[in-house]
C-alpha atoms as a PDB file:
ATOM      1  CA  MET A   1      -2.291  22.323  42.782  1.00  0.00           C
ATOM      2  CA  GLU A   2       0.360  24.638  41.319  1.00  0.00           C
ATOM      3  CA  VAL A   3       2.343  21.659  39.767  1.00  0.00           C
ATOM      4  CA  CYS A   4      -0.760  20.279  38.158  1.00  0.00           C
ATOM      5  CA  ILE A   5      -1.487  23.530  36.137  1.00  0.00           C
ATOM      6  CA  PRO A   6       1.734  23.348  33.860  1.00  0.00           C
ATOM      7  CA  PHE A   7       1.529  19.609  33.598  1.00  0.00           C
ATOM      8  CA  LEU A   8      -2.019  19.907  32.213  1.00  0.00           C
ATOM      9  CA  ILE A   9      -0.932  22.618  29.832  1.00  0.00           C
ATOM     10  CA  ILE A  10       1.822  20.700  28.151  1.00  0.00           C
ATOM     11  CA  ILE A  11      -0.686  17.426  27.918  1.00  0.00           C
ATOM     12  CA  GLY A  12      -3.298  19.861  26.331  1.00  0.00           C
ATOM     13  CA  ALA A  13      -0.668  21.214  23.855  1.00  0.00           C
ATOM     14  CA  VAL A  14       0.417  17.626  23.041  1.00  0.00           C
ATOM     15  CA  ILE A  15      -3.138  16.399  22.282  1.00  0.00           C
ATOM     16  CA  VAL A  16      -3.746  19.705  20.262  1.00  0.00           C
ATOM     17  CA  LEU A  17      -0.728  18.934  18.116  1.00  0.00           C
ATOM     18  CA  ILE A  18      -1.108  15.303  17.744  1.00  0.00           C
ATOM     19  CA  ALA A  19      -4.991  15.126  17.211  1.00  0.00           C
ATOM     20  CA  PRO A  20      -4.738  16.528  13.508  1.00  0.00           C
ATOM     21  CA  ILE A  21      -2.511  13.588  12.564  1.00  0.00           C
ATOM     22  CA  PHE A  22      -4.950  10.966  13.812  1.00  0.00           C
ATOM     23  CA  ILE A  23      -7.731  12.819  12.132  1.00  0.00           C
ATOM     24  CA  VAL A  24      -6.000  12.931   8.643  1.00  0.00           C
ATOM     25  CA  ALA A  25      -5.041   9.336   9.084  1.00  0.00           C
ATOM     26  CA  GLY A  26      -8.580   8.208   9.891  1.00  0.00           C
ATOM     27  CA  VAL A  27      -9.992  10.341   6.925  1.00  0.00           C
ATOM     28  CA  SER A  28      -7.402   8.998   4.468  1.00  0.00           C
ATOM     29  CA  SER A  29      -8.003   5.439   5.551  1.00  0.00           C
ATOM     30  CA  ALA A  30     -11.696   5.963   5.054  1.00  0.00           C
ATOM     31  CA  ARG A  31     -11.159   7.411   1.699  1.00  0.00           C
ATOM     32  CA  ARG A  32      -8.981   4.584   0.786  1.00  0.00           C
ATOM     33  CA  LYS A  33     -11.608   2.080   1.854  1.00  0.00           C
ATOM     34  CA  LYS A  34     -14.205   3.649  -0.354  1.00  0.00           C
ATOM     35  CA  PHE A  35     -11.892   3.740  -3.520  1.00  0.00           C
ATOM     36  CA  ARG A  36     -10.904   0.094  -2.790  1.00  0.00           C
ATOM     37  CA  GLN A  37     -14.787  -0.847  -2.585  1.00  0.00           C
ATOM     38  CA  MET A  38     -15.577   1.020  -5.694  1.00  0.00           C
ATOM     39  CA  ILE A  39     -12.616  -0.978  -7.523  1.00  0.00           C
ATOM     40  CA  ILE A  40     -14.075  -4.049  -6.234  1.00  0.00           C
ATOM     41  CA  GLU A  41     -17.489  -3.478  -7.324  1.00  0.00           C
ATOM     42  CA  THR A  42     -16.587  -2.415 -10.707  1.00  0.00           C
ATOM     43  CA  LYS A  43     -14.151  -5.151 -11.614  1.00  0.00           C
ATOM     44  CA  GLN A  44     -15.771  -8.134  -9.825  1.00  0.00           C
ATOM     45  CA  ASP A  45     -16.002 -10.034 -13.061  1.00  0.00           C
ATOM     46  CA  ILE A  46     -12.211  -9.963 -13.291  1.00  0.00           C
ATOM     47  CA  LEU A  47     -11.435 -10.189  -9.553  1.00  0.00           C
ATOM     48  CA  ARG A  48     -13.309 -13.309  -9.147  1.00  0.00           C
ATOM     49  CA  ARG A  49     -11.247 -15.443 -11.536  1.00  0.00           C
ATOM     50  CA  GLY A  50      -8.193 -15.270  -9.433  1.00  0.00           C
ATOM     51  CA  LYS A  51      -7.035 -13.936  -6.011  1.00  0.00           C
ATOM     52  CA  TYR A  52      -6.899 -10.062  -5.087  1.00  0.00           C
ATOM     53  CA  PHE A  53      -5.538  -8.072  -2.151  1.00  0.00           C
ATOM     54  CA  PRO A  54      -5.917  -4.441  -0.889  1.00  0.00           C
ATOM     55  CA  VAL A  55      -2.341  -2.586  -1.340  1.00  0.00           C
ATOM     56  CA  ARG A  56      -0.590   0.657  -1.308  1.00  0.00           C
ATOM     57  CA  TYR A  57       1.644   1.415  -4.481  1.00  0.00           C
ATOM     58  CA  ALA A  58       4.596   3.472  -5.014  1.00  0.00           C
ATOM     59  CA  SER A  59       6.367   3.941  -8.303  1.00  0.00           C
ATOM     60  CA  SER A  60      10.021   3.458  -8.309  1.00  0.00           C
ATOM     61  CA  LYS A  61      10.845   7.212  -8.533  1.00  0.00           C
ATOM     62  CA  LYS A  62       8.539   7.942  -5.309  1.00  0.00           C
ATOM     63  CA  TYR A  63       9.988   4.759  -3.563  1.00  0.00           C
ATOM     64  CA  HIS A  64      13.594   6.050  -3.821  1.00  0.00           C
ATOM     65  CA  SER A  65      12.798   9.675  -3.414  1.00  0.00           C
ATOM     66  CA  PHE A  66      14.207  10.949   0.090  1.00  0.00           C
ATOM     67  CA  PHE A  67      11.702  13.797   0.777  1.00  0.00           C
ATOM     68  CA  LYS A  68       8.135  12.693   1.082  1.00  0.00           C
ATOM     69  CA  PHE A  69       5.345  12.787   3.548  1.00  0.00           C
ATOM     70  CA  PHE A  70       3.902   9.323   2.790  1.00  0.00           C
ATOM     71  CA  PRO A  71       6.008   6.552   1.193  1.00  0.00           C
ATOM     72  CA  TRP A  72       3.286   5.587  -1.322  1.00  0.00           C
ATOM     73  CA  GLU A  73       1.466   7.256  -3.980  1.00  0.00           C
ATOM     74  CA  THR A  74      -1.871   5.727  -3.985  1.00  0.00           C
ATOM     75  CA  SER A  75      -3.895   2.532  -2.980  1.00  0.00           C
ATOM     76  CA  GLY A  76      -6.070  -0.013  -4.696  1.00  0.00           C
ATOM     77  CA  VAL A  77      -6.224  -3.553  -5.516  1.00  0.00           C
ATOM     78  CA  ILE A  78      -3.726  -6.189  -6.831  1.00  0.00           C
ATOM     79  CA  TYR A  79      -5.013  -9.229  -8.581  1.00  0.00           C
ATOM     80  CA  ALA A  80      -3.206 -12.257  -9.885  1.00  0.00           C
ATOM     81  CA  ASP A  81      -4.008 -15.455 -11.605  1.00  0.00           C
ATOM     82  CA  GLU A  82      -1.823 -17.986 -13.736  1.00  0.00           C
ATOM     83  CA  ARG A  83      -1.689 -15.655 -16.583  1.00  0.00           C
ATOM     84  CA  GLU A  84      -1.072 -11.969 -15.085  1.00  0.00           C
ATOM     85  CA  ILE A  85      -0.901  -9.462 -12.281  1.00  0.00           C
ATOM     86  CA  ILE A  86      -3.010  -6.416 -12.520  1.00  0.00           C
ATOM     87  CA  PHE A  87      -3.018  -3.296 -10.253  1.00  0.00           C
ATOM     88  CA  PHE A  88      -6.128  -1.504 -10.094  1.00  0.00           C
ATOM     89  CA  ALA A  89      -6.171   2.175  -8.430  1.00  0.00           C
ATOM     90  CA  ALA A  90      -8.546   5.037  -8.383  1.00  0.00           C
ATOM     91  CA  LYS A  91      -5.783   7.525  -9.048  1.00  0.00           C
ATOM     92  CA  ILE A  92      -2.152   7.926  -9.831  1.00  0.00           C
ATOM     93  CA  LYS A  93      -0.662  11.514 -10.282  1.00  0.00           C
ATOM     94  CA  GLY A  94      -4.006  12.688 -11.316  1.00  0.00           C
ATOM     95  CA  GLU A  95      -4.954   9.977 -13.792  1.00  0.00           C
ATOM     96  CA  GLN A  96      -8.256   8.246 -13.160  1.00  0.00           C
ATOM     97  CA  ASN A  97      -8.891   4.458 -12.804  1.00  0.00           C
ATOM     98  CA  VAL A  98      -5.462   3.438 -13.461  1.00  0.00           C
ATOM     99  CA  GLU A  99      -4.534  -0.278 -14.329  1.00  0.00           C
ATOM    100  CA  LEU A 100      -1.161  -1.713 -14.298  1.00  0.00           C
ATOM    101  CA  HIS A 101      -0.931  -5.055 -16.330  1.00  0.00           C
ATOM    102  CA  PHE A 102       2.014  -7.454 -15.658  1.00  0.00           C
ATOM    103  CA  ARG A 103       1.948 -10.492 -18.234  1.00  0.00           C
ATOM    104  CA  ARG A 104       3.389 -13.472 -16.981  1.00  0.00           C
ATOM    105  CA  GLY A 105       6.912 -14.118 -18.367  1.00  0.00           C
ATOM    106  CA  ASP A 106       7.398 -10.257 -18.411  1.00  0.00           C
ATOM    107  CA  PHE A 107       8.086  -9.664 -14.584  1.00  0.00           C
ATOM    108  CA  THR A 108       9.360 -11.080 -11.362  1.00  0.00           C
ATOM    109  CA  VAL A 109       8.157 -10.576  -7.993  1.00  0.00           C
ATOM    110  CA  GLU A 110      10.562  -9.916  -5.188  1.00  0.00           C
ATOM    111  CA  TYR A 111      10.223  -9.527  -1.614  1.00  0.00           C
ATOM    112  CA  VAL A 112      11.991  -6.346  -0.465  1.00  0.00           C
ATOM    113  CA  GLY A 113      11.172  -5.936   3.249  1.00  0.00           C
ATOM    114  CA  THR A 114      12.147  -2.694   5.019  1.00  0.00           C
ATOM    115  CA  GLU A 115      15.612  -2.287   3.061  1.00  0.00           C
ATOM    116  CA  ASN A 116      15.146   1.431   2.743  1.00  0.00           C
ATOM    117  CA  PHE A 117      14.285   2.383   6.462  1.00  0.00           C
ATOM    118  CA  PHE A 118      15.443   6.099   6.188  1.00  0.00           C
ATOM    119  CA  THR A 119      13.252   6.974   3.023  1.00  0.00           C
ATOM    120  CA  ASN A 120      10.246   4.591   3.641  1.00  0.00           C
ATOM    121  CA  GLY A 121      10.264   4.018   7.571  1.00  0.00           C
ATOM    122  CA  PHE A 122       9.032   0.961   8.909  1.00  0.00           C
ATOM    123  CA  VAL A 123       6.660  -0.054   5.703  1.00  0.00           C
ATOM    124  CA  THR A 124       7.507  -3.477   4.408  1.00  0.00           C
ATOM    125  CA  TRP A 125       7.491  -3.766   0.524  1.00  0.00           C
ATOM    126  CA  PHE A 126       7.625  -6.269  -2.383  1.00  0.00           C
ATOM    127  CA  CYS A 127       8.376  -5.409  -5.838  1.00  0.00           C
ATOM    128  CA  ILE A 128       7.103  -6.314  -9.221  1.00  0.00           C
ATOM    129  CA  LYS A 129      10.109  -5.788 -11.554  1.00  0.00           C
ATOM    130  CA  THR A 130       9.663  -5.268 -15.211  1.00  0.00           C
ATOM    131  CA  TYR A 131      12.074  -4.845 -18.112  1.00  0.00           C
ATOM    132  CA  GLU A 132      11.331  -1.268 -17.812  1.00  0.00           C
ATOM    133  CA  ASP A 133      10.644  -0.482 -14.232  1.00  0.00           C
ATOM    134  CA  LYS A 134       9.977  -1.400 -10.632  1.00  0.00           C
ATOM    135  CA  HIS A 135       6.795  -1.129  -9.017  1.00  0.00           C
ATOM    136  CA  TYR A 136       6.607  -1.408  -5.379  1.00  0.00           C
ATOM    137  CA  PHE A 137       3.512  -2.495  -3.182  1.00  0.00           C
ATOM    138  CA  THR A 138       2.934  -2.866   0.596  1.00  0.00           C
ATOM    139  CA  SER A 139      -0.095  -4.040   2.219  1.00  0.00           C
ATOM    140  CA  GLU A 140      -3.141  -1.811   3.089  1.00  0.00           C
ATOM    141  CA  THR A 141      -3.179  -1.800   6.827  1.00  0.00           C
ATOM    142  CA  GLY A 142      -5.687   1.008   7.566  1.00  0.00           C
ATOM    143  CA  ALA A 143      -5.112   4.327   9.304  1.00  0.00           C
ATOM    144  CA  THR A 144      -1.507   3.002  10.432  1.00  0.00           C
ATOM    145  CA  ILE A 145       1.408   1.143   9.099  1.00  0.00           C
ATOM    146  CA  PHE A 146       1.682  -1.177  11.933  1.00  0.00           C
ATOM    147  CA  GLY A 147       1.443  -4.824  10.751  1.00  0.00           C
ATOM    148  CA  SER A 148       2.686  -4.313   7.405  1.00  0.00           C
ATOM    149  CA  GLY A 149       5.341  -6.761   7.794  1.00  0.00           C
ATOM    150  CA  THR A 150       3.200  -9.764   8.187  1.00  0.00           C
ATOM    151  CA  SER A 151       0.458  -8.826   5.914  1.00  0.00           C
ATOM    152  CA  THR A 152       2.746  -7.529   3.069  1.00  0.00           C
ATOM    153  CA  ARG A 153       4.602 -11.015   3.304  1.00  0.00           C
ATOM    154  CA  ASP A 154       1.179 -12.891   2.890  1.00  0.00           C
ATOM    155  CA  ILE A 155       0.223 -10.718  -0.086  1.00  0.00           C
ATOM    156  CA  TYR A 156       3.475 -11.631  -1.638  1.00  0.00           C
ATOM    157  CA  ASN A 157       3.034 -15.321  -1.071  1.00  0.00           C
ATOM    158  CA  GLY A 158      -0.544 -15.027  -2.228  1.00  0.00           C
ATOM    159  CA  LEU A 159       0.910 -13.618  -5.434  1.00  0.00           C
ATOM    160  CA  LEU A 160       3.261 -16.382  -6.097  1.00  0.00           C
ATOM    161  CA  GLU A 161       0.996 -18.832  -5.322  1.00  0.00           C
ATOM    162  CA  ALA A 162      -1.608 -17.500  -7.604  1.00  0.00           C
ATOM    163  CA  VAL A 163       0.910 -16.909 -10.613  1.00  0.00           C
ATOM    164  CA  GLU A 164       2.600 -20.194 -10.005  1.00  0.00           C
ATOM    165  CA  PRO A 165      -0.022 -22.619  -8.641  1.00  0.00           C
ATOM    166  CA  HIS A 166       1.963 -25.832  -9.282  1.00  0.00           C
ATOM    167  CA  GLN A 167       5.245 -24.636  -7.940  1.00  0.00           C
ATOM    168  CA  GLN A 168       4.019 -24.195  -4.398  1.00  0.00           C
END
């Protein structure tokens, strides 16, 4: 019985330390889902004309910065058709209702993968590269990042198919 008490104290301490992480992840996931649903409802006239996917976004500055808690800045919906790709987000750096437009011929889409493990962990990315900047996207996987490899590749392929439907 004496051996069990220290063990139970250690287990309890670990639970107390880890529980807030799961609570924050759950609350953040619910908030992102709410923002995504708001975007889908308000932009449905555009979204129904092409393909769209839930994504997380990082600017080039955020993607390449070394010290950060999360590797992304916001989440939203990325839309694509034969003419353009549009990223809709609820907020980026205090701005409300952000839309990033990428017109056909002015960008390239590149699969990045997990090239930057030390700054971005196990998150898998693709990039939309314009003449001025790079914009990084990963799949919206919910409360955790697990599964981002396959789902990010699926979004990347879906964008390519929407932008270049006759090339596939």
